[in-house]
Amino acid sequence: MAKKTVASLQTKDKNLTKVIKMVKSPKTGAYTFKEEIVPNDKIKEWFEKN
């Protein structure tokens, strides 16, 4: 289950998006969140690798 964007950030060079992915720990079963700011054209790649 993934959550795409909380905020879109714009700079002169690129449009950036803060992406958040919920990850379940195999040991404890607890959920953690991975957050990162990535360029808009790399969002799909980020979700695939993380």
N, C-alpha and C. Protein backbone atom coordinates (compact mmCIF):
# COMPACT_ATOMS: atom_id res chain seq x y z
N MET A 1 0.84 -1.16 0.00
CA MET A 1 0.00 0.00 0.00
C MET A 1 0.89 1.23 0.00
N ALA A 2 0.68 2.12 -0.90
CA ALA A 2 1.55 3.29 -1.01
C ALA A 2 0.71 4.55 -1.06
N LYS A 3 1.27 5.57 -0.50
CA LYS A 3 0.63 6.87 -0.51
C LYS A 3 1.52 7.78 -1.34
N LYS A 4 0.96 8.41 -2.35
CA LYS A 4 1.81 9.11 -3.30
C LYS A 4 2.32 10.44 -2.79
N THR A 5 1.51 11.42 -2.67
CA THR A 5 2.05 12.75 -2.43
C THR A 5 1.35 13.46 -1.30
N VAL A 6 2.14 14.13 -0.50
CA VAL A 6 1.60 14.97 0.55
C VAL A 6 1.74 16.43 0.13
N ALA A 7 2.85 16.73 -0.53
CA ALA A 7 3.08 18.11 -0.96
C ALA A 7 3.90 18.10 -2.24
N SER A 8 3.58 18.99 -3.14
CA SER A 8 4.39 19.17 -4.33
C SER A 8 5.28 20.39 -4.11
N LEU A 9 6.55 20.20 -4.37
CA LEU A 9 7.51 21.27 -4.15
C LEU A 9 8.05 21.70 -5.51
N GLN A 10 8.13 22.99 -5.73
CA GLN A 10 8.59 23.47 -7.02
C GLN A 10 9.83 24.33 -6.83
N THR A 11 10.81 24.08 -7.68
CA THR A 11 12.01 24.91 -7.72
C THR A 11 12.18 25.39 -9.15
N LYS A 12 13.18 26.18 -9.39
CA LYS A 12 13.40 26.67 -10.75
C LYS A 12 13.75 25.54 -11.71
N ASP A 13 14.50 24.56 -11.22
CA ASP A 13 14.99 23.50 -12.10
C ASP A 13 13.99 22.35 -12.27
N LYS A 14 13.46 21.85 -11.19
CA LYS A 14 12.62 20.65 -11.27
C LYS A 14 11.42 20.76 -10.34
N ASN A 15 10.39 20.02 -10.66
CA ASN A 15 9.26 19.87 -9.75
C ASN A 15 9.55 18.65 -8.89
N LEU A 16 9.41 18.82 -7.59
CA LEU A 16 9.71 17.74 -6.66
C LEU A 16 8.45 17.35 -5.90
N THR A 17 8.40 16.09 -5.47
CA THR A 17 7.27 15.59 -4.72
C THR A 17 7.77 14.81 -3.52
N LYS A 18 7.13 14.99 -2.39
CA LYS A 18 7.46 14.21 -1.20
C LYS A 18 6.64 12.92 -1.27
N VAL A 19 7.32 11.78 -1.31
CA VAL A 19 6.64 10.50 -1.39
C VAL A 19 6.78 9.75 -0.06
N ILE A 20 5.73 9.04 0.29
CA ILE A 20 5.70 8.29 1.54
C ILE A 20 5.22 6.88 1.24
N LYS A 21 5.95 5.90 1.74
CA LYS A 21 5.56 4.50 1.54
C LYS A 21 5.51 3.80 2.89
N MET A 22 4.42 3.07 3.13
CA MET A 22 4.25 2.33 4.37
C MET A 22 4.84 0.93 4.17
N VAL A 23 5.72 0.52 5.09
CA VAL A 23 6.40 -0.76 4.99
C VAL A 23 6.17 -1.56 6.27
N LYS A 24 5.79 -2.83 6.12
CA LYS A 24 5.54 -3.68 7.28
C LYS A 24 6.80 -4.48 7.60
N SER A 25 7.20 -4.47 8.86
CA SER A 25 8.37 -5.21 9.31
C SER A 25 8.04 -6.70 9.39
N PRO A 26 8.86 -7.56 8.77
CA PRO A 26 8.58 -9.00 8.84
C PRO A 26 8.77 -9.58 10.24
N LYS A 27 9.65 -8.99 11.06
CA LYS A 27 9.90 -9.51 12.40
C LYS A 27 8.79 -9.17 13.38
N THR A 28 8.47 -7.88 13.48
CA THR A 28 7.54 -7.44 14.51
C THR A 28 6.12 -7.24 14.01
N GLY A 29 5.96 -7.05 12.71
CA GLY A 29 4.64 -6.78 12.16
C GLY A 29 4.24 -5.32 12.26
N ALA A 30 5.14 -4.49 12.80
CA ALA A 30 4.85 -3.07 12.94
C ALA A 30 5.07 -2.37 11.60
N TYR A 31 4.34 -1.29 11.38
CA TYR A 31 4.48 -0.52 10.15
C TYR A 31 5.41 0.66 10.38
N THR A 32 6.25 0.92 9.39
CA THR A 32 7.10 2.11 9.40
C THR A 32 6.87 2.85 8.10
N PHE A 33 7.31 4.08 8.06
CA PHE A 33 7.11 4.90 6.87
C PHE A 33 8.45 5.35 6.31
N LYS A 34 8.63 5.19 5.01
CA LYS A 34 9.81 5.71 4.32
C LYS A 34 9.38 6.98 3.60
N GLU A 35 10.10 8.05 3.84
CA GLU A 35 9.78 9.34 3.21
C GLU A 35 11.01 9.85 2.47
N GLU A 36 10.75 10.48 1.33
CA GLU A 36 11.85 11.07 0.57
C GLU A 36 11.27 12.09 -0.40
N ILE A 37 12.07 13.07 -0.76
CA ILE A 37 11.67 14.04 -1.76
C ILE A 37 12.37 13.67 -3.06
N VAL A 38 11.58 13.40 -4.10
CA VAL A 38 12.12 12.94 -5.38
C VAL A 38 11.56 13.79 -6.52
N PRO A 39 12.27 13.84 -7.65
CA PRO A 39 11.74 14.54 -8.83
C PRO A 39 10.49 13.82 -9.35
N ASN A 40 9.58 14.57 -9.94
CA ASN A 40 8.31 13.99 -10.42
C ASN A 40 8.51 12.86 -11.41
N ASP A 41 9.55 12.92 -12.24
CA ASP A 41 9.74 11.88 -13.24
C ASP A 41 10.35 10.60 -12.67
N LYS A 42 10.74 10.59 -11.40
CA LYS A 42 11.35 9.41 -10.77
C LYS A 42 10.44 8.75 -9.72
N ILE A 43 9.20 9.18 -9.62
CA ILE A 43 8.30 8.67 -8.57
C ILE A 43 8.05 7.17 -8.72
N LYS A 44 7.70 6.72 -9.92
CA LYS A 44 7.42 5.29 -10.12
C LYS A 44 8.64 4.43 -9.80
N GLU A 45 9.81 4.89 -10.22
CA GLU A 45 11.04 4.15 -9.95
C GLU A 45 11.30 4.04 -8.45
N TRP A 46 11.03 5.11 -7.71
CA TRP A 46 11.26 5.10 -6.27
C TRP A 46 10.36 4.07 -5.59
N PHE A 47 9.08 4.01 -5.99
CA PHE A 47 8.17 3.04 -5.38
C PHE A 47 8.55 1.62 -5.74
N GLU A 48 9.08 1.39 -6.94
CA GLU A 48 9.47 0.05 -7.35
C GLU A 48 10.70 -0.44 -6.58
N LYS A 49 11.67 0.43 -6.33
CA LYS A 49 12.90 0.00 -5.67
C LYS A 49 12.78 -0.03 -4.15
N ASN A 50 11.87 0.72 -3.57
CA ASN A 50 11.74 0.74 -2.10
C ASN A 50 10.63 -0.14 -1.66
